[in-house]
């Protein structure tokens, strides 16, 4: 009885490619990508400026400052790559949601929170240590203790 109810197609099915969309949609999507890249670069540059400040006039301090700056620049490039990848993975530039209200902003916010989560997990796993990067120099970040890792140890001093 079940065979009587199923109708099979006599012609093979054809794969239909999605339409490329109008020219204005492609331009708008490109503009969104460029805007996302610029905003991420500006946000990370501002974070570096707030974290590191501006270099002093002393030559020894400037050398250390620029080594730390290069360290943070490399980390910022990784953050930017992860952020842009997650914006694409969350389909924040999909033609179906662009300009459609709250959904667009919800996806951008979700991708940004996912970026923070991925970076936090990566930092917990790999634990990059800034003191190794600046090779025990006397930099103001070391004086403030910003480059140390806080730890809490519990138990006795006697080893088993």
N, C-alpha and C. Protein backbone atom coordinates (compact mmCIF):
# COMPACT_ATOMS: atom_id res chain seq x y z
N UNK A 1 0.80 -1.19 0.00
CA UNK A 1 0.00 0.00 0.00
C UNK A 1 0.84 1.26 0.00
N UNK A 2 1.99 1.24 0.72
CA UNK A 2 2.83 2.42 0.79
C UNK A 2 3.45 2.73 -0.56
N UNK A 3 3.68 1.70 -1.37
CA UNK A 3 4.28 1.93 -2.68
C UNK A 3 3.34 2.66 -3.62
N UNK A 4 2.04 2.51 -3.42
CA UNK A 4 1.07 3.16 -4.28
C UNK A 4 1.03 4.67 -4.03
N UNK A 5 1.38 5.11 -2.85
CA UNK A 5 1.27 6.52 -2.49
C UNK A 5 2.51 7.33 -2.87
N UNK A 6 3.62 6.69 -3.11
CA UNK A 6 4.86 7.39 -3.43
C UNK A 6 4.95 7.57 -4.94
N UNK A 7 5.10 8.81 -5.37
CA UNK A 7 5.24 9.10 -6.80
C UNK A 7 6.70 9.48 -7.06
N UNK A 8 7.34 8.78 -7.97
CA UNK A 8 8.72 9.07 -8.29
C UNK A 8 8.80 9.98 -9.50
N UNK A 9 9.78 10.88 -9.51
CA UNK A 9 9.95 11.78 -10.65
C UNK A 9 10.54 11.01 -11.82
N UNK A 10 10.02 11.28 -12.99
CA UNK A 10 10.51 10.59 -14.18
C UNK A 10 11.77 11.24 -14.73
N UNK A 11 11.98 12.52 -14.43
CA UNK A 11 13.17 13.22 -14.89
C UNK A 11 14.12 13.42 -13.70
N UNK A 12 15.43 13.40 -13.96
CA UNK A 12 16.36 13.61 -12.85
C UNK A 12 16.29 15.06 -12.35
N UNK A 13 16.58 15.22 -11.08
CA UNK A 13 16.56 16.56 -10.49
C UNK A 13 17.81 17.33 -10.91
N UNK A 14 17.66 18.61 -11.12
CA UNK A 14 18.78 19.47 -11.50
C UNK A 14 19.16 20.36 -10.32
N UNK A 15 20.45 20.58 -10.19
CA UNK A 15 20.94 21.47 -9.15
C UNK A 15 20.78 22.90 -9.63
N UNK A 16 20.14 23.71 -8.82
CA UNK A 16 19.92 25.10 -9.17
C UNK A 16 20.88 25.94 -8.35
N UNK A 17 21.69 26.74 -9.02
CA UNK A 17 22.63 27.61 -8.34
C UNK A 17 21.88 28.84 -7.81
N UNK A 18 22.27 29.30 -6.62
CA UNK A 18 21.60 30.50 -6.12
C UNK A 18 21.96 31.70 -6.98
N UNK A 19 21.03 32.61 -7.07
CA UNK A 19 21.26 33.81 -7.87
C UNK A 19 22.33 34.67 -7.21
N UNK A 20 23.11 35.29 -8.03
CA UNK A 20 24.18 36.16 -7.52
C UNK A 20 23.60 37.39 -6.83
N UNK A 21 22.43 37.75 -7.19
CA UNK A 21 21.82 38.93 -6.59
C UNK A 21 22.11 40.16 -7.41
N UNK A 22 21.36 41.18 -7.15
CA UNK A 22 21.60 42.43 -7.86
C UNK A 22 22.97 43.01 -7.53
N UNK A 23 23.41 43.89 -8.39
CA UNK A 23 24.73 44.51 -8.22
C UNK A 23 24.79 45.30 -6.92
N UNK A 24 23.72 45.98 -6.56
CA UNK A 24 23.75 46.80 -5.35
C UNK A 24 23.93 45.93 -4.11
N UNK A 25 23.40 44.69 -4.11
CA UNK A 25 23.58 43.82 -2.95
C UNK A 25 25.03 43.39 -2.80
N UNK A 26 25.69 43.10 -3.90
CA UNK A 26 27.11 42.73 -3.84
C UNK A 26 27.96 43.90 -3.36
N UNK A 27 27.65 45.10 -3.87
CA UNK A 27 28.40 46.29 -3.42
C UNK A 27 28.15 46.57 -1.95
N UNK A 28 26.92 46.41 -1.53
CA UNK A 28 26.57 46.66 -0.13
C UNK A 28 27.28 45.65 0.78
N UNK A 29 27.33 44.40 0.36
CA UNK A 29 28.01 43.38 1.15
C UNK A 29 29.51 43.67 1.24
N UNK A 30 30.10 44.12 0.13
CA UNK A 30 31.52 44.50 0.14
C UNK A 30 31.74 45.69 1.07
N UNK A 31 30.82 46.65 1.03
CA UNK A 31 30.93 47.81 1.92
C UNK A 31 30.82 47.38 3.38
N UNK A 32 29.97 46.40 3.68
CA UNK A 32 29.87 45.90 5.05
C UNK A 32 31.16 45.21 5.50
N UNK A 33 31.77 44.44 4.61
CA UNK A 33 33.03 43.77 4.96
C UNK A 33 34.12 44.80 5.23
N UNK A 34 34.22 45.81 4.36
CA UNK A 34 35.24 46.85 4.54
C UNK A 34 34.99 47.61 5.84
N UNK A 35 33.73 47.93 6.11
CA UNK A 35 33.39 48.64 7.35
C UNK A 35 33.73 47.79 8.57
N UNK A 36 33.41 46.48 8.51
CA UNK A 36 33.74 45.60 9.63
C UNK A 36 35.25 45.57 9.88
N UNK A 37 36.03 45.46 8.82
CA UNK A 37 37.49 45.43 8.96
C UNK A 37 38.00 46.74 9.58
N UNK A 38 37.52 47.86 9.08
CA UNK A 38 37.97 49.16 9.61
C UNK A 38 37.58 49.34 11.08
N UNK A 39 36.37 48.96 11.44
CA UNK A 39 35.93 49.11 12.83
C UNK A 39 36.74 48.21 13.75
N UNK A 40 37.02 47.00 13.32
CA UNK A 40 37.81 46.08 14.15
C UNK A 40 39.24 46.60 14.30
N UNK A 41 39.83 47.11 13.23
CA UNK A 41 41.18 47.66 13.32
C UNK A 41 41.21 48.86 14.26
N UNK A 42 40.24 49.75 14.14
CA UNK A 42 40.20 50.91 15.03
C UNK A 42 39.97 50.50 16.49
N UNK A 43 39.11 49.52 16.73
CA UNK A 43 38.86 49.07 18.10
C UNK A 43 40.12 48.46 18.72
N UNK A 44 40.83 47.65 17.96
CA UNK A 44 42.04 47.03 18.49
C UNK A 44 43.18 48.05 18.66
N UNK A 45 43.27 49.01 17.75
CA UNK A 45 44.28 50.06 17.90
C UNK A 45 43.99 50.92 19.12
N UNK A 46 42.73 51.24 19.36
CA UNK A 46 42.37 52.00 20.55
C UNK A 46 42.66 51.21 21.82
N UNK A 47 42.41 49.91 21.79
CA UNK A 47 42.72 49.08 22.95
C UNK A 47 44.22 49.05 23.23
N UNK A 48 45.02 48.99 22.18
CA UNK A 48 46.48 49.03 22.37
C UNK A 48 46.92 50.37 22.93
N UNK A 49 46.34 51.44 22.43
CA UNK A 49 46.72 52.77 22.92
C UNK A 49 46.35 52.93 24.39
N UNK A 50 45.19 52.43 24.78
CA UNK A 50 44.79 52.53 26.18
C UNK A 50 45.67 51.64 27.05
N UNK A 51 45.98 50.45 26.57
CA UNK A 51 46.79 49.51 27.37
C UNK A 51 48.24 49.96 27.50
N UNK A 52 48.84 50.40 26.40
CA UNK A 52 50.27 50.70 26.41
C UNK A 52 50.60 52.18 26.58
N UNK A 53 49.70 53.04 26.24
CA UNK A 53 49.99 54.47 26.31
C UNK A 53 50.93 54.88 25.18
N UNK A 54 51.60 56.00 25.39
CA UNK A 54 52.56 56.49 24.39
C UNK A 54 53.98 56.29 24.93
N UNK A 55 54.96 56.13 24.04
CA UNK A 55 56.33 55.89 24.51
C UNK A 55 56.92 57.11 25.20
N UNK A 56 57.87 56.84 26.12
CA UNK A 56 58.59 57.92 26.79
C UNK A 56 59.70 58.43 25.87
N UNK A 57 60.46 59.39 26.33
CA UNK A 57 61.55 59.93 25.53
C UNK A 57 62.84 59.13 25.63
N UNK A 58 62.98 58.28 26.65
CA UNK A 58 64.21 57.54 26.86
C UNK A 58 64.37 56.45 25.78
N UNK A 59 65.59 56.30 25.28
CA UNK A 59 65.84 55.34 24.20
C UNK A 59 65.67 53.90 24.67
N UNK A 60 66.13 53.58 25.89
CA UNK A 60 66.02 52.21 26.41
C UNK A 60 64.56 51.83 26.60
N UNK A 61 63.78 52.76 27.11
CA UNK A 61 62.36 52.50 27.31
C UNK A 61 61.64 52.36 25.98
N UNK A 62 62.02 53.15 24.99
CA UNK A 62 61.39 53.06 23.68
C UNK A 62 61.63 51.71 23.03
N UNK A 63 62.82 51.15 23.21
CA UNK A 63 63.11 49.83 22.63
C UNK A 63 62.20 48.77 23.24
N UNK A 64 62.05 48.82 24.55
CA UNK A 64 61.17 47.88 25.22
C UNK A 64 59.72 48.13 24.81
N UNK A 65 59.34 49.40 24.73
CA UNK A 65 57.97 49.76 24.34
C UNK A 65 57.64 49.19 22.97
N UNK A 66 58.54 49.32 22.02
CA UNK A 66 58.26 48.84 20.67
C UNK A 66 58.26 47.31 20.59
N UNK A 67 59.03 46.64 21.45
CA UNK A 67 58.96 45.18 21.46
C UNK A 67 57.62 44.71 22.03
N UNK A 68 57.15 45.39 23.06
CA UNK A 68 55.84 45.06 23.63
C UNK A 68 54.74 45.42 22.63
N UNK A 69 54.90 46.54 21.95
CA UNK A 69 53.92 46.95 20.95
C UNK A 69 53.83 45.92 19.82
N UNK A 70 54.96 45.39 19.39
CA UNK A 70 54.93 44.38 18.33
C UNK A 70 54.27 43.10 18.84
N UNK A 71 54.50 42.75 20.10
CA UNK A 71 53.85 41.58 20.70
C UNK A 71 52.33 41.75 20.68
N UNK A 72 51.85 42.91 21.13
CA UNK A 72 50.42 43.17 21.14
C UNK A 72 49.85 43.29 19.73
N UNK A 73 50.64 43.77 18.80
CA UNK A 73 50.16 43.88 17.41
C UNK A 73 49.93 42.50 16.81
N UNK A 74 50.82 41.56 17.08
CA UNK A 74 50.63 40.20 16.59
C UNK A 74 49.39 39.59 17.23
N UNK A 75 49.21 39.77 18.53
CA UNK A 75 48.02 39.25 19.19
C UNK A 75 46.75 39.91 18.63
N UNK A 76 46.83 41.20 18.33
CA UNK A 76 45.67 41.90 17.77
C UNK A 76 45.31 41.38 16.38
N UNK A 77 46.32 41.00 15.61
CA UNK A 77 46.02 40.43 14.29
C UNK A 77 45.29 39.10 14.43
N UNK A 78 45.67 38.29 15.42
CA UNK A 78 44.94 37.04 15.67
C UNK A 78 43.51 37.31 16.11
N UNK A 79 43.33 38.28 16.99
CA UNK A 79 41.99 38.64 17.45
C UNK A 79 41.14 39.12 16.28
N UNK A 80 41.71 39.96 15.43
CA UNK A 80 40.97 40.47 14.27
C UNK A 80 40.57 39.32 13.33
N UNK A 81 41.47 38.38 13.11
CA UNK A 81 41.15 37.25 12.23
C UNK A 81 40.02 36.40 12.81
N UNK A 82 40.08 36.14 14.12
CA UNK A 82 39.03 35.35 14.76
C UNK A 82 37.71 36.10 14.72
N UNK A 83 37.74 37.40 14.99
CA UNK A 83 36.52 38.23 15.01
C UNK A 83 35.87 38.25 13.63
N UNK A 84 36.66 38.48 12.60
CA UNK A 84 36.11 38.50 11.24
C UNK A 84 35.59 37.13 10.82
N UNK A 85 36.28 36.07 11.21
CA UNK A 85 35.81 34.72 10.88
C UNK A 85 34.49 34.42 11.57
N UNK A 86 34.35 34.83 12.82
CA UNK A 86 33.10 34.59 13.52
C UNK A 86 31.96 35.47 13.01
N UNK A 87 32.27 36.68 12.57
CA UNK A 87 31.23 37.50 11.93
C UNK A 87 30.72 36.82 10.65
N UNK A 88 31.63 36.20 9.92
CA UNK A 88 31.22 35.48 8.72
C UNK A 88 30.47 34.20 9.08
N UNK A 89 30.93 33.50 10.11
CA UNK A 89 30.28 32.24 10.50
C UNK A 89 28.86 32.48 11.02
N UNK A 90 28.64 33.60 11.68
CA UNK A 90 27.31 33.94 12.18
C UNK A 90 26.44 34.58 11.09
N UNK A 91 26.98 34.69 9.90
CA UNK A 91 26.27 35.24 8.73
C UNK A 91 25.65 36.60 9.03
N UNK A 92 26.49 37.49 9.51
CA UNK A 92 26.01 38.83 9.84
C UNK A 92 25.78 39.69 8.61
N UNK A 93 26.28 39.23 7.47
CA UNK A 93 26.11 40.01 6.23
C UNK A 93 25.16 39.33 5.25
N UNK A 94 24.33 38.44 5.75
CA UNK A 94 23.39 37.73 4.89
C UNK A 94 22.36 38.70 4.32
N UNK A 95 22.06 38.61 3.03
CA UNK A 95 21.07 39.51 2.44
C UNK A 95 19.69 39.38 3.07
N UNK A 96 19.40 38.25 3.68
CA UNK A 96 18.09 38.04 4.29
C UNK A 96 17.90 38.86 5.56
N UNK A 97 18.98 39.18 6.25
CA UNK A 97 18.83 39.89 7.52
C UNK A 97 19.35 41.32 7.50
N UNK A 98 20.11 41.69 6.48
CA UNK A 98 20.66 43.05 6.43
C UNK A 98 19.51 44.04 6.30
N UNK A 99 19.44 44.92 7.26
CA UNK A 99 18.39 45.93 7.25
C UNK A 99 17.03 45.41 7.68
N UNK A 100 17.00 44.19 8.26
CA UNK A 100 15.72 43.57 8.62
C UNK A 100 15.37 43.73 10.09
N UNK A 101 16.03 44.63 10.76
CA UNK A 101 15.67 44.87 12.15
C UNK A 101 16.69 44.35 13.14
N UNK A 102 16.17 43.78 14.21
CA UNK A 102 16.99 43.40 15.36
C UNK A 102 17.88 42.20 15.07
N UNK A 103 17.48 41.33 14.18
CA UNK A 103 18.24 40.09 13.92
C UNK A 103 19.68 40.36 13.50
N UNK A 104 19.87 41.39 12.70
CA UNK A 104 21.23 41.74 12.25
C UNK A 104 22.11 42.10 13.44
N UNK A 105 21.59 42.92 14.34
CA UNK A 105 22.37 43.34 15.50
C UNK A 105 22.56 42.18 16.49
N UNK A 106 21.57 41.31 16.60
CA UNK A 106 21.70 40.16 17.48
C UNK A 106 22.83 39.25 17.01
N UNK A 107 22.94 39.06 15.70
CA UNK A 107 24.01 38.21 15.17
C UNK A 107 25.39 38.84 15.37
N UNK A 108 25.48 40.14 15.16
CA UNK A 108 26.77 40.83 15.38
C UNK A 108 27.16 40.73 16.85
N UNK A 109 26.20 40.94 17.74
CA UNK A 109 26.47 40.86 19.17
C UNK A 109 26.88 39.44 19.56
N UNK A 110 26.18 38.44 19.02
CA UNK A 110 26.51 37.04 19.32
C UNK A 110 27.90 36.68 18.80
N UNK A 111 28.25 37.15 17.61
CA UNK A 111 29.58 36.88 17.06
C UNK A 111 30.66 37.55 17.89
N UNK A 112 30.38 38.75 18.38
CA UNK A 112 31.35 39.46 19.21
C UNK A 112 31.55 38.74 20.55
N UNK A 113 30.44 38.29 21.16
CA UNK A 113 30.57 37.53 22.41
C UNK A 113 31.29 36.21 22.19
N UNK A 114 31.05 35.58 21.07
CA UNK A 114 31.76 34.33 20.74
C UNK A 114 33.25 34.61 20.58
N UNK A 115 33.60 35.75 19.99
CA UNK A 115 35.00 36.13 19.85
C UNK A 115 35.66 36.28 21.22
N UNK A 116 34.97 36.96 22.12
CA UNK A 116 35.51 37.13 23.48
C UNK A 116 35.70 35.76 24.13
N UNK A 117 34.74 34.86 23.94
CA UNK A 117 34.85 33.53 24.51
C UNK A 117 36.00 32.73 23.94
N UNK A 118 36.16 32.77 22.62
CA UNK A 118 37.25 32.04 21.97
C UNK A 118 38.60 32.58 22.43
N UNK A 119 38.73 33.89 22.49
CA UNK A 119 40.00 34.50 22.92
C UNK A 119 40.28 34.16 24.39
N UNK A 120 39.25 34.20 25.24
CA UNK A 120 39.44 33.88 26.65
C UNK A 120 39.89 32.43 26.83
N UNK A 121 39.27 31.52 26.10
CA UNK A 121 39.66 30.12 26.20
C UNK A 121 41.09 29.92 25.68
N UNK A 122 41.41 30.58 24.57
CA UNK A 122 42.77 30.46 24.03
C UNK A 122 43.81 31.01 25.00
N UNK A 123 43.50 32.11 25.66
CA UNK A 123 44.44 32.67 26.63
C UNK A 123 44.57 31.78 27.86
N UNK A 124 43.49 31.12 28.26
CA UNK A 124 43.58 30.21 29.40
C UNK A 124 44.38 28.96 29.03
N UNK A 125 44.25 28.48 27.80
CA UNK A 125 44.97 27.27 27.39
C UNK A 125 46.45 27.56 27.17
N UNK A 126 46.75 28.60 26.41
CA UNK A 126 48.14 28.86 26.02
C UNK A 126 48.89 29.74 27.00
N UNK A 127 48.19 30.54 27.79
CA UNK A 127 48.78 31.42 28.81
C UNK A 127 50.02 32.15 28.30
N UNK A 128 49.87 33.05 27.35
CA UNK A 128 51.06 33.79 26.90
C UNK A 128 51.58 34.67 28.03
N UNK A 129 52.85 34.60 28.25
CA UNK A 129 53.46 35.33 29.36
C UNK A 129 54.23 36.51 28.80
N UNK A 130 53.83 37.72 29.18
CA UNK A 130 54.45 38.92 28.66
C UNK A 130 55.88 39.08 29.15
N UNK A 131 56.18 38.61 30.34
CA UNK A 131 57.54 38.77 30.86
C UNK A 131 58.56 38.07 29.99
N UNK A 132 58.21 36.95 29.40
CA UNK A 132 59.13 36.27 28.50
C UNK A 132 59.33 37.11 27.24
N UNK A 133 58.26 37.75 26.77
CA UNK A 133 58.34 38.54 25.54
C UNK A 133 59.22 39.77 25.71
N UNK A 134 59.23 40.37 26.89
CA UNK A 134 60.02 41.59 27.05
C UNK A 134 61.34 41.32 27.78
N UNK A 135 61.64 40.08 28.02
CA UNK A 135 62.91 39.61 28.56
C UNK A 135 63.39 40.36 29.80
N UNK A 136 62.57 40.37 30.81
CA UNK A 136 62.90 40.89 32.14
C UNK A 136 63.42 42.32 32.16
N UNK A 137 62.96 43.13 31.29
CA UNK A 137 63.40 44.52 31.30
C UNK A 137 62.55 45.31 32.29
N UNK A 138 62.99 46.49 32.61
CA UNK A 138 62.27 47.33 33.56
C UNK A 138 61.33 48.23 32.78
N UNK A 139 60.17 47.71 32.53
CA UNK A 139 59.15 48.45 31.80
C UNK A 139 58.04 48.78 32.77
N UNK A 140 57.33 49.85 32.52
CA UNK A 140 56.35 50.29 33.49
C UNK A 140 55.22 49.29 33.69
N UNK A 141 54.95 48.41 32.72
CA UNK A 141 53.93 47.38 32.93
C UNK A 141 54.38 46.40 34.01
N UNK A 142 55.70 46.12 34.08
CA UNK A 142 56.19 45.24 35.13
C UNK A 142 56.09 45.91 36.49
N UNK A 143 56.33 47.21 36.56
CA UNK A 143 56.27 47.91 37.83
C UNK A 143 54.84 47.91 38.38
N UNK A 144 53.86 47.99 37.52
CA UNK A 144 52.47 48.01 37.98
C UNK A 144 51.94 46.62 38.24
N UNK A 145 52.64 45.59 37.80
CA UNK A 145 52.18 44.23 38.02
C UNK A 145 51.13 43.78 37.03
N UNK A 146 50.99 44.48 35.92
CA UNK A 146 49.97 44.12 34.93
C UNK A 146 50.34 42.87 34.16
N UNK A 147 51.57 42.47 34.22
CA UNK A 147 52.01 41.34 33.40
C UNK A 147 52.17 40.07 34.22
N UNK A 148 51.71 40.07 35.44
CA UNK A 148 51.84 38.88 36.26
C UNK A 148 50.52 38.13 36.27
N UNK A 149 50.59 36.86 36.56
CA UNK A 149 49.41 36.02 36.62
C UNK A 149 49.11 35.75 38.07
N UNK A 150 47.90 36.06 38.49
CA UNK A 150 47.50 35.82 39.88
C UNK A 150 47.20 34.34 40.07
N UNK A 151 47.63 33.80 41.19
CA UNK A 151 47.39 32.39 41.47
C UNK A 151 47.07 32.22 42.94
N UNK A 152 46.26 31.24 43.24
CA UNK A 152 45.92 30.93 44.62
C UNK A 152 46.28 29.47 44.84
N UNK A 153 47.16 29.22 45.80
CA UNK A 153 47.59 27.86 46.09
C UNK A 153 47.01 27.45 47.44
N UNK A 154 46.47 26.25 47.50
CA UNK A 154 45.89 25.74 48.73
C UNK A 154 46.53 24.40 49.04
N UNK A 155 46.70 24.12 50.33
CA UNK A 155 47.26 22.82 50.73
C UNK A 155 48.46 23.01 51.62
N UNK A 156 49.14 21.93 51.88
CA UNK A 156 50.30 21.99 52.77
C UNK A 156 51.58 22.00 51.95
N UNK A 157 52.68 22.35 52.59
CA UNK A 157 53.97 22.40 51.91
C UNK A 157 54.59 21.02 51.79
N UNK A 158 54.08 20.07 52.50
CA UNK A 158 54.65 18.72 52.48
C UNK A 158 54.18 18.04 51.20
N UNK A 159 55.15 17.49 50.46
CA UNK A 159 54.78 16.80 49.23
C UNK A 159 54.53 15.33 49.53
N UNK A 160 53.68 14.73 48.76
CA UNK A 160 53.32 13.33 49.00
C UNK A 160 54.36 12.38 48.49
